Amino acid sequence: MGGTRPDRLSVMTFNLRFGLADDGPDSWEYRRRSVGDLLRKFQADFIGFQEVNHFQADFLQTLLGDHRLIGRRQPAPPFWQNNLIFYHRAWRCIHREHFFLSATPGIPSRFPDSRWPRQCTLGVFQCESRRLACINTHLDFEDDVQVRSARIILNRLAQLPSSQAALLLGDFNADPGRPCYGVFTGGGLEADPEDGPAFQNVFAPPYPATFHGFKGGRSGRHIDWILFRGGLTPEACRVIDDRFEGRYPSDHYPLRAIFRWQSHPETQNG
């Protein structure tokens, strides 16, 4: 599905909604077809999916035949949710990490105040002379946990060249007024120069709603983000609030953006 252009980069983030959830008429068995329709209509070089069960991952792999992926754990524990990054096969993954947002990121764990074990998938990708870091995550709910989680992610990113282009995708369970947003974007009381170069949101205020609980509409919180830094200029972005055969593919709207590379490829390697 889809193609890739050397001067442009397309990206999407999409909370797929936990496939084992009992959502009645919006359960996975009823909306999987609408997910397929969505991804055939709106294609992207990179797609970050959150809340992906193993059978949903199988479905996505079959559907996205022009893409490879990182972030899947096999065999997965019961009720496991993956944070997957699908990337167009024109790109090559040269580095990958999977870690937990906890005091012990290297083992399955969570902060004491975190409701669920939260994870992050990080990859570095190369296409000819272009190099890109892509991070996909799903934060928990409490401000303090979100701030600590944000710093874990930025600490991992600090191991890469600071000038390297980077995308940060996911469901952050926080709107731009929350402290963790300031950690990532360099604003507010929680910002710290040691966190590294600041990210920017591809969307501008007033931020559009992204969570709708299968109800649709445009009022609500902007908790799903596409953030970027280093060598990328956004050209277009949209919240995909379409229905497919009368059904929403998830309780979150997918977000899609198109970027232009700012300079000649050789300068993107950092």
C-alpha atoms as a PDB file:
ATOM      1  CA  MET A   1       0.000   0.000   0.000  1.00  0.00           C
ATOM      2  CA  GLY A   2       1.209   3.446  -0.813  1.00  0.00           C
ATOM      3  CA  GLY A   3       4.580   4.833  -1.789  1.00  0.00           C
ATOM      4  CA  THR A   4       7.188   7.198  -0.471  1.00  0.00           C
ATOM      5  CA  ARG A   5       8.709  10.428  -1.819  1.00  0.00           C
ATOM      6  CA  PRO A   6      12.316  11.427  -1.149  1.00  0.00           C
ATOM      7  CA  ASP A   7      11.387  15.066  -0.409  1.00  0.00           C
ATOM      8  CA  ARG A   8       8.308  14.376   1.725  1.00  0.00           C
ATOM      9  CA  LEU A   9       7.484  12.276   4.779  1.00  0.00           C
ATOM     10  CA  SER A  10       3.966  11.171   5.713  1.00  0.00           C
ATOM     11  CA  VAL A  11       3.095   9.942   9.193  1.00  0.00           C
ATOM     12  CA  MET A  12       0.053   8.793  11.135  1.00  0.00           C
ATOM     13  CA  THR A  13      -0.711   7.952  14.763  1.00  0.00           C
ATOM     14  CA  PHE A  14      -3.686   5.800  15.669  1.00  0.00           C
ATOM     15  CA  ASN A  15      -4.934   4.314  18.937  1.00  0.00           C
ATOM     16  CA  LEU A  16      -6.585   1.199  17.543  1.00  0.00           C
ATOM     17  CA  ARG A  17      -8.562   0.445  20.706  1.00  0.00           C
ATOM     18  CA  PHE A  18      -7.865  -2.743  22.661  1.00  0.00           C
ATOM     19  CA  GLY A  19      -9.291  -5.569  20.567  1.00  0.00           C
ATOM     20  CA  LEU A  20     -10.397  -7.665  23.555  1.00  0.00           C
ATOM     21  CA  ALA A  21     -12.569  -4.881  24.984  1.00  0.00           C
ATOM     22  CA  ASP A  22     -16.301  -5.570  25.144  1.00  0.00           C
ATOM     23  CA  ASP A  23     -17.471  -2.535  23.199  1.00  0.00           C
ATOM     24  CA  GLY A  24     -20.783  -3.979  22.051  1.00  0.00           C
ATOM     25  CA  PRO A  25     -21.533  -2.814  18.509  1.00  0.00           C
ATOM     26  CA  ASP A  26     -18.101  -1.134  18.396  1.00  0.00           C
ATOM     27  CA  SER A  27     -16.154  -4.291  19.289  1.00  0.00           C
ATOM     28  CA  TRP A  28     -13.253  -5.244  17.059  1.00  0.00           C
ATOM     29  CA  GLU A  29     -15.167  -7.883  15.090  1.00  0.00           C
ATOM     30  CA  TYR A  30     -17.571  -5.193  13.876  1.00  0.00           C
ATOM     31  CA  ARG A  31     -15.081  -2.409  13.127  1.00  0.00           C
ATOM     32  CA  ARG A  32     -12.075  -4.260  11.702  1.00  0.00           C
ATOM     33  CA  ARG A  33     -13.406  -3.703   8.181  1.00  0.00           C
ATOM     34  CA  SER A  34     -13.605   0.036   8.785  1.00  0.00           C
ATOM     35  CA  VAL A  35      -9.956   0.019   9.931  1.00  0.00           C
ATOM     36  CA  GLY A  36      -9.028  -1.580   6.629  1.00  0.00           C
ATOM     37  CA  ASP A  37     -11.015   1.028   4.698  1.00  0.00           C
ATOM     38  CA  LEU A  38      -9.309   3.814   6.655  1.00  0.00           C
ATOM     39  CA  LEU A  39      -5.780   2.555   6.018  1.00  0.00           C
ATOM     40  CA  ARG A  40      -6.430   2.015   2.340  1.00  0.00           C
ATOM     41  CA  LYS A  41      -7.701   5.581   1.979  1.00  0.00           C
ATOM     42  CA  PHE A  42      -5.118   7.321   4.186  1.00  0.00           C
ATOM     43  CA  GLN A  43      -1.635   5.941   3.644  1.00  0.00           C
ATOM     44  CA  ALA A  44       1.597   6.938   5.331  1.00  0.00           C
ATOM     45  CA  ASP A  45       5.298   6.158   5.358  1.00  0.00           C
ATOM     46  CA  PHE A  46       5.244   5.724   9.156  1.00  0.00           C
ATOM     47  CA  ILE A  47       2.273   4.689  11.296  1.00  0.00           C
ATOM     48  CA  GLY A  48       2.334   4.432  15.080  1.00  0.00           C
ATOM     49  CA  PHE A  49      -0.395   2.179  16.488  1.00  0.00           C
ATOM     50  CA  GLN A  50      -1.269   1.903  20.171  1.00  0.00           C
ATOM     51  CA  GLU A  51      -3.374  -0.724  22.042  1.00  0.00           C
ATOM     52  CA  VAL A  52      -2.718  -3.459  19.491  1.00  0.00           C
ATOM     53  CA  ASN A  53      -3.564  -7.049  20.455  1.00  0.00           C
ATOM     54  CA  HIS A  54      -1.784  -9.915  18.689  1.00  0.00           C
ATOM     55  CA  PHE A  55      -4.702 -10.689  16.372  1.00  0.00           C
ATOM     56  CA  GLN A  56      -4.970  -7.013  15.438  1.00  0.00           C
ATOM     57  CA  ALA A  57      -1.239  -7.008  14.656  1.00  0.00           C
ATOM     58  CA  ASP A  58      -1.781 -10.010  12.367  1.00  0.00           C
ATOM     59  CA  PHE A  59      -4.563  -8.104  10.611  1.00  0.00           C
ATOM     60  CA  LEU A  60      -2.393  -4.997  10.165  1.00  0.00           C
ATOM     61  CA  GLN A  61       0.551  -6.993   8.836  1.00  0.00           C
ATOM     62  CA  THR A  62      -1.672  -8.558   6.185  1.00  0.00           C
ATOM     63  CA  LEU A  63      -3.204  -5.209   5.291  1.00  0.00           C
ATOM     64  CA  LEU A  64      -0.008  -3.128   5.209  1.00  0.00           C
ATOM     65  CA  GLY A  65       1.936  -5.281   2.801  1.00  0.00           C
ATOM     66  CA  ASP A  66       4.301  -2.468   1.762  1.00  0.00           C
ATOM     67  CA  HIS A  67       5.380  -1.927   5.370  1.00  0.00           C
ATOM     68  CA  ARG A  68       7.547  -3.650   7.929  1.00  0.00           C
ATOM     69  CA  LEU A  69       7.123  -3.186  11.678  1.00  0.00           C
ATOM     70  CA  ILE A  70       8.897  -3.019  15.009  1.00  0.00           C
ATOM     71  CA  GLY A  71       7.570  -3.207  18.560  1.00  0.00           C
ATOM     72  CA  ARG A  72       5.771  -6.538  18.509  1.00  0.00           C
ATOM     73  CA  ARG A  73       6.476  -8.974  21.308  1.00  0.00           C
ATOM     74  CA  GLN A  74       6.154 -12.648  20.401  1.00  0.00           C
ATOM     75  CA  PRO A  75       4.948 -14.692  22.121  1.00  0.00           C
ATOM     76  CA  ALA A  76       2.898 -12.034  23.887  1.00  0.00           C
ATOM     77  CA  PRO A  77       1.544 -12.366  27.444  1.00  0.00           C
ATOM     78  CA  PRO A  78      -2.262 -12.567  27.790  1.00  0.00           C
ATOM     79  CA  PHE A  79      -4.002  -9.243  27.169  1.00  0.00           C
ATOM     80  CA  TRP A  80      -0.730  -7.772  25.865  1.00  0.00           C
ATOM     81  CA  GLN A  81      -0.995  -4.429  24.096  1.00  0.00           C
ATOM     82  CA  ASN A  82       1.683  -3.555  21.552  1.00  0.00           C
ATOM     83  CA  ASN A  83       2.887  -0.098  20.504  1.00  0.00           C
ATOM     84  CA  LEU A  84       3.813  -0.812  16.888  1.00  0.00           C
ATOM     85  CA  ILE A  85       5.658   1.298  14.345  1.00  0.00           C
ATOM     86  CA  PHE A  86       4.903   0.339  10.750  1.00  0.00           C
ATOM     87  CA  TYR A  87       7.398   1.798   8.286  1.00  0.00           C
ATOM     88  CA  HIS A  88       7.410   1.745   4.506  1.00  0.00           C
ATOM     89  CA  ARG A  89       9.789  -0.833   3.074  1.00  0.00           C
ATOM     90  CA  ALA A  90      11.743   1.929   1.297  1.00  0.00           C
ATOM     91  CA  TRP A  91      13.158   2.634   4.765  1.00  0.00           C
ATOM     92  CA  ARG A  92      15.575   0.406   6.665  1.00  0.00           C
ATOM     93  CA  CYS A  93      15.491   0.058  10.458  1.00  0.00           C
ATOM     94  CA  ILE A  94      19.069   0.438  11.706  1.00  0.00           C
ATOM     95  CA  HIS A  95      18.318   0.582  15.448  1.00  0.00           C
ATOM     96  CA  ARG A  96      15.367  -0.417  17.620  1.00  0.00           C
ATOM     97  CA  GLU A  97      14.480  -0.360  21.301  1.00  0.00           C
ATOM     98  CA  HIS A  98      11.510  -1.437  23.354  1.00  0.00           C
ATOM     99  CA  PHE A  99      11.322  -0.339  26.990  1.00  0.00           C
ATOM    100  CA  PHE A 100       8.904   0.191  29.838  1.00  0.00           C
ATOM    101  CA  LEU A 101       8.007   3.551  31.338  1.00  0.00           C
ATOM    102  CA  SER A 102       9.024   2.671  34.862  1.00  0.00           C
ATOM    103  CA  ALA A 103      11.945   2.740  37.279  1.00  0.00           C
ATOM    104  CA  THR A 104      13.215  -0.455  35.571  1.00  0.00           C
ATOM    105  CA  PRO A 105      12.680   0.156  31.841  1.00  0.00           C
ATOM    106  CA  GLY A 106      14.446  -3.027  30.784  1.00  0.00           C
ATOM    107  CA  ILE A 107      11.956  -5.436  32.386  1.00  0.00           C
ATOM    108  CA  PRO A 108       8.132  -5.594  32.285  1.00  0.00           C
ATOM    109  CA  SER A 109       7.141  -3.175  35.046  1.00  0.00           C
ATOM    110  CA  ARG A 110       5.292   0.012  35.922  1.00  0.00           C
ATOM    111  CA  PHE A 111       5.524   2.944  38.291  1.00  0.00           C
ATOM    112  CA  PRO A 112       3.557   2.339  41.530  1.00  0.00           C
ATOM    113  CA  ASP A 113       1.126   5.115  40.583  1.00  0.00           C
ATOM    114  CA  SER A 114       0.657   3.862  37.020  1.00  0.00           C
ATOM    115  CA  ARG A 115      -2.587   2.007  36.338  1.00  0.00           C
ATOM    116  CA  TRP A 116      -1.052  -0.132  33.594  1.00  0.00           C
ATOM    117  CA  PRO A 117       2.457  -1.149  32.511  1.00  0.00           C
ATOM    118  CA  ARG A 118       3.220   1.446  29.833  1.00  0.00           C
ATOM    119  CA  GLN A 119       5.723   0.969  27.040  1.00  0.00           C
ATOM    120  CA  CYS A 120       7.643   2.789  24.345  1.00  0.00           C
ATOM    121  CA  THR A 121       8.965   1.640  20.971  1.00  0.00           C
ATOM    122  CA  LEU A 122      11.849   3.581  19.438  1.00  0.00           C
ATOM    123  CA  GLY A 123      13.418   3.033  16.038  1.00  0.00           C
ATOM    124  CA  VAL A 124      16.020   4.746  13.880  1.00  0.00           C
ATOM    125  CA  PHE A 125      15.385   4.435  10.164  1.00  0.00           C
ATOM    126  CA  GLN A 126      17.359   5.233   7.043  1.00  0.00           C
ATOM    127  CA  CYS A 127      16.336   5.780   3.421  1.00  0.00           C
ATOM    128  CA  GLU A 128      19.303   6.581   1.185  1.00  0.00           C
ATOM    129  CA  SER A 129      20.926   9.512   3.060  1.00  0.00           C
ATOM    130  CA  ARG A 130      17.881  10.418   5.147  1.00  0.00           C
ATOM    131  CA  ARG A 131      17.850   9.306   8.770  1.00  0.00           C
ATOM    132  CA  LEU A 132      14.888   9.534  11.142  1.00  0.00           C
ATOM    133  CA  ALA A 133      14.145   8.558  14.738  1.00  0.00           C
ATOM    134  CA  CYS A 134      10.537   7.547  15.361  1.00  0.00           C
ATOM    135  CA  ILE A 135       9.096   6.993  18.837  1.00  0.00           C
ATOM    136  CA  ASN A 136       5.666   5.550  19.585  1.00  0.00           C
ATOM    137  CA  THR A 137       4.280   5.456  23.121  1.00  0.00           C
ATOM    138  CA  HIS A 138       1.197   5.392  25.333  1.00  0.00           C
ATOM    139  CA  LEU A 139       1.355   7.221  28.670  1.00  0.00           C
ATOM    140  CA  ASP A 140      -0.604   6.509  31.837  1.00  0.00           C
ATOM    141  CA  PHE A 141      -2.889   9.023  33.574  1.00  0.00           C
ATOM    142  CA  GLU A 142      -1.282  10.788  36.548  1.00  0.00           C
ATOM    143  CA  ASP A 143       0.718  13.977  35.977  1.00  0.00           C
ATOM    144  CA  ASP A 144       3.732  12.793  37.968  1.00  0.00           C
ATOM    145  CA  VAL A 145       3.838   9.453  36.151  1.00  0.00           C
ATOM    146  CA  GLN A 146       3.541  11.215  32.790  1.00  0.00           C
ATOM    147  CA  VAL A 147       6.401  13.582  33.592  1.00  0.00           C
ATOM    148  CA  ARG A 148       8.675  10.747  34.699  1.00  0.00           C
ATOM    149  CA  SER A 149       7.716   8.770  31.613  1.00  0.00           C
ATOM    150  CA  ALA A 150       8.491  11.734  29.368  1.00  0.00           C
ATOM    151  CA  ARG A 151      11.961  12.057  30.884  1.00  0.00           C
ATOM    152  CA  ILE A 152      12.667   8.346  30.339  1.00  0.00           C
ATOM    153  CA  ILE A 153      11.806   8.776  26.656  1.00  0.00           C
ATOM    154  CA  LEU A 154      13.944  11.896  26.306  1.00  0.00           C
ATOM    155  CA  ASN A 155      16.820  10.203  28.102  1.00  0.00           C
ATOM    156  CA  ARG A 156      16.764   7.425  25.506  1.00  0.00           C
ATOM    157  CA  LEU A 157      16.620   9.985  22.712  1.00  0.00           C
ATOM    158  CA  ALA A 158      19.616  11.771  24.212  1.00  0.00           C
ATOM    159  CA  GLN A 159      21.763   8.824  23.087  1.00  0.00           C
ATOM    160  CA  LEU A 160      21.113   9.861  19.465  1.00  0.00           C
ATOM    161  CA  PRO A 161      22.482  12.934  17.652  1.00  0.00           C
ATOM    162  CA  SER A 162      20.526  15.971  18.872  1.00  0.00           C
ATOM    163  CA  SER A 163      20.234  17.371  15.336  1.00  0.00           C
ATOM    164  CA  GLN A 164      18.657  14.213  13.955  1.00  0.00           C
ATOM    165  CA  ALA A 165      15.091  14.446  12.690  1.00  0.00           C
ATOM    166  CA  ALA A 166      12.681  12.838  15.137  1.00  0.00           C
ATOM    167  CA  LEU A 167       8.968  12.084  15.388  1.00  0.00           C
ATOM    168  CA  LEU A 168       7.190  11.413  18.665  1.00  0.00           C
ATOM    169  CA  LEU A 169       3.799   9.745  18.238  1.00  0.00           C
ATOM    170  CA  GLY A 170       1.225   8.274  20.551  1.00  0.00           C
ATOM    171  CA  ASP A 171      -1.635   8.475  22.986  1.00  0.00           C
ATOM    172  CA  PHE A 172      -0.387  10.649  25.839  1.00  0.00           C
ATOM    173  CA  ASN A 173      -3.599  10.715  27.900  1.00  0.00           C
ATOM    174  CA  ALA A 174      -2.852  14.393  28.367  1.00  0.00           C
ATOM    175  CA  ASP A 175      -3.818  17.577  26.579  1.00  0.00           C
ATOM    176  CA  PRO A 176      -1.280  20.340  25.842  1.00  0.00           C
ATOM    177  CA  GLY A 177      -2.047  22.007  29.179  1.00  0.00           C
ATOM    178  CA  ARG A 178      -0.573  19.127  31.183  1.00  0.00           C
ATOM    179  CA  PRO A 179       2.998  19.152  32.576  1.00  0.00           C
ATOM    180  CA  CYS A 180       4.351  16.327  30.400  1.00  0.00           C
ATOM    181  CA  TYR A 181       3.599  18.388  27.304  1.00  0.00           C
ATOM    182  CA  GLY A 182       5.922  21.050  28.664  1.00  0.00           C
ATOM    183  CA  VAL A 183       8.653  18.449  29.179  1.00  0.00           C
ATOM    184  CA  PHE A 184       8.493  17.430  25.534  1.00  0.00           C
ATOM    185  CA  THR A 185       8.038  20.920  24.090  1.00  0.00           C
ATOM    186  CA  GLY A 186      10.329  22.880  26.419  1.00  0.00           C
ATOM    187  CA  GLY A 187       7.628  25.018  28.014  1.00  0.00           C
ATOM    188  CA  GLY A 188       6.188  25.364  31.504  1.00  0.00           C
ATOM    189  CA  LEU A 189       7.625  24.686  34.929  1.00  0.00           C
ATOM    190  CA  GLU A 190       8.593  21.095  34.107  1.00  0.00           C
ATOM    191  CA  ALA A 191      10.914  22.024  31.220  1.00  0.00           C
ATOM    192  CA  ASP A 192      14.603  21.282  31.713  1.00  0.00           C
ATOM    193  CA  PRO A 193      17.432  22.240  29.287  1.00  0.00           C
ATOM    194  CA  GLU A 194      18.978  18.826  29.910  1.00  0.00           C
ATOM    195  CA  ASP A 195      15.929  17.215  28.270  1.00  0.00           C
ATOM    196  CA  GLY A 196      17.424  18.066  24.880  1.00  0.00           C
ATOM    197  CA  PRO A 197      15.977  19.885  21.856  1.00  0.00           C
ATOM    198  CA  ALA A 198      12.294  20.685  22.211  1.00  0.00           C
ATOM    199  CA  PHE A 199       9.586  19.073  20.140  1.00  0.00           C
ATOM    200  CA  GLN A 200       6.819  20.961  18.373  1.00  0.00           C
ATOM    201  CA  ASN A 201       3.222  19.918  17.819  1.00  0.00           C
ATOM    202  CA  VAL A 202       2.193  19.601  14.194  1.00  0.00           C
ATOM    203  CA  PHE A 203      -1.194  21.059  15.223  1.00  0.00           C
ATOM    204  CA  ALA A 204      -1.666  24.624  16.462  1.00  0.00           C
ATOM    205  CA  PRO A 205      -4.165  25.995  18.995  1.00  0.00           C
ATOM    206  CA  PRO A 206      -7.052  25.579  19.297  1.00  0.00           C
ATOM    207  CA  TYR A 207      -6.018  21.944  19.400  1.00  0.00           C
ATOM    208  CA  PRO A 208      -8.519  19.560  17.797  1.00  0.00           C
ATOM    209  CA  ALA A 209     -10.205  16.785  19.728  1.00  0.00           C
ATOM    210  CA  THR A 210      -8.744  13.323  19.203  1.00  0.00           C
ATOM    211  CA  PHE A 211     -10.676  11.126  21.664  1.00  0.00           C
ATOM    212  CA  HIS A 212     -14.401  10.731  21.052  1.00  0.00           C
ATOM    213  CA  GLY A 213     -15.419   7.436  22.690  1.00  0.00           C
ATOM    214  CA  PHE A 214     -17.102   6.129  19.503  1.00  0.00           C
ATOM    215  CA  LYS A 215     -19.472   9.090  19.616  1.00  0.00           C
ATOM    216  CA  GLY A 216     -17.846  11.314  17.023  1.00  0.00           C
ATOM    217  CA  GLY A 217     -17.970  15.082  17.194  1.00  0.00           C
ATOM    218  CA  ARG A 218     -15.260  17.703  17.411  1.00  0.00           C
ATOM    219  CA  SER A 219     -15.386  18.636  21.079  1.00  0.00           C
ATOM    220  CA  GLY A 220     -13.039  16.877  23.436  1.00  0.00           C
ATOM    221  CA  ARG A 221      -9.424  16.573  24.486  1.00  0.00           C
ATOM    222  CA  HIS A 222      -6.337  16.624  22.273  1.00  0.00           C
ATOM    223  CA  ILE A 223      -4.583  13.617  23.825  1.00  0.00           C
ATOM    224  CA  ASP A 224      -3.081  11.997  20.710  1.00  0.00           C
ATOM    225  CA  TRP A 225      -0.076  13.892  19.370  1.00  0.00           C
ATOM    226  CA  ILE A 226       2.305  14.090  16.444  1.00  0.00           C
ATOM    227  CA  LEU A 227       5.384  15.938  17.691  1.00  0.00           C
ATOM    228  CA  PHE A 228       8.499  16.635  15.640  1.00  0.00           C
ATOM    229  CA  ARG A 229      11.945  18.197  15.766  1.00  0.00           C
ATOM    230  CA  GLY A 230      15.150  18.485  13.754  1.00  0.00           C
ATOM    231  CA  GLY A 231      15.004  19.025  10.022  1.00  0.00           C
ATOM    232  CA  LEU A 232      11.287  18.602   9.342  1.00  0.00           C
ATOM    233  CA  THR A 233       8.774  21.251   8.283  1.00  0.00           C
ATOM    234  CA  PRO A 234       5.066  20.374   8.471  1.00  0.00           C
ATOM    235  CA  GLU A 235       3.120  20.974   5.279  1.00  0.00           C
ATOM    236  CA  ALA A 236      -0.295  19.553   6.176  1.00  0.00           C
ATOM    237  CA  CYS A 237      -2.056  17.849   9.039  1.00  0.00           C
ATOM    238  CA  ARG A 238      -5.541  16.616   9.753  1.00  0.00           C
ATOM    239  CA  VAL A 239      -7.631  14.712  12.247  1.00  0.00           C
ATOM    240  CA  ILE A 240      -9.344  11.894  10.359  1.00  0.00           C
ATOM    241  CA  ASP A 241     -12.900  12.026  11.651  1.00  0.00           C
ATOM    242  CA  ASP A 242     -14.412  10.063   8.764  1.00  0.00           C
ATOM    243  CA  ARG A 243     -16.838   7.214   9.217  1.00  0.00           C
ATOM    244  CA  PHE A 244     -16.567   4.132   7.045  1.00  0.00           C
ATOM    245  CA  GLU A 245     -19.853   2.440   6.217  1.00  0.00           C
ATOM    246  CA  GLY A 246     -21.328   4.379   9.109  1.00  0.00           C
ATOM    247  CA  ARG A 247     -18.774   3.221  11.677  1.00  0.00           C
ATOM    248  CA  TYR A 248     -15.806   4.826  13.419  1.00  0.00           C
ATOM    249  CA  PRO A 249     -12.660   2.666  13.248  1.00  0.00           C
ATOM    250  CA  SER A 250     -11.768   3.425  16.886  1.00  0.00           C
ATOM    251  CA  ASP A 251     -12.713   5.509  19.917  1.00  0.00           C
ATOM    252  CA  HIS A 252      -9.783   7.788  18.983  1.00  0.00           C
ATOM    253  CA  TYR A 253      -9.457   9.694  15.737  1.00  0.00           C
ATOM    254  CA  PRO A 254      -6.282   8.934  13.767  1.00  0.00           C
ATOM    255  CA  LEU A 255      -3.974  11.897  13.084  1.00  0.00           C
ATOM    256  CA  ARG A 256      -2.036  12.286   9.849  1.00  0.00           C
ATOM    257  CA  ALA A 257       0.677  14.771   8.841  1.00  0.00           C
ATOM    258  CA  ILE A 258       2.945  15.451   5.892  1.00  0.00           C
ATOM    259  CA  PHE A 259       6.432  16.934   6.383  1.00  0.00           C
ATOM    260  CA  ARG A 260       9.000  18.385   4.041  1.00  0.00           C
ATOM    261  CA  TRP A 261      12.692  17.761   4.656  1.00  0.00           C
ATOM    262  CA  GLN A 262      14.370  21.094   5.353  1.00  0.00           C
ATOM    263  CA  SER A 263      17.769  20.493   3.798  1.00  0.00           C
ATOM    264  CA  HIS A 264      19.913  18.240   1.663  1.00  0.00           C
ATOM    265  CA  PRO A 265      19.914  14.577   2.781  1.00  0.00           C
ATOM    266  CA  GLU A 266      23.564  14.512   3.839  1.00  0.00           C
ATOM    267  CA  THR A 267      22.815  17.002   6.629  1.00  0.00           C
ATOM    268  CA  GLN A 268      20.136  14.755   8.159  1.00  0.00           C
ATOM    269  CA  ASN A 269      22.503  12.181   9.636  1.00  0.00           C
ATOM    270  CA  GLY A 270      23.622  14.417  12.518  1.00  0.00           C
END
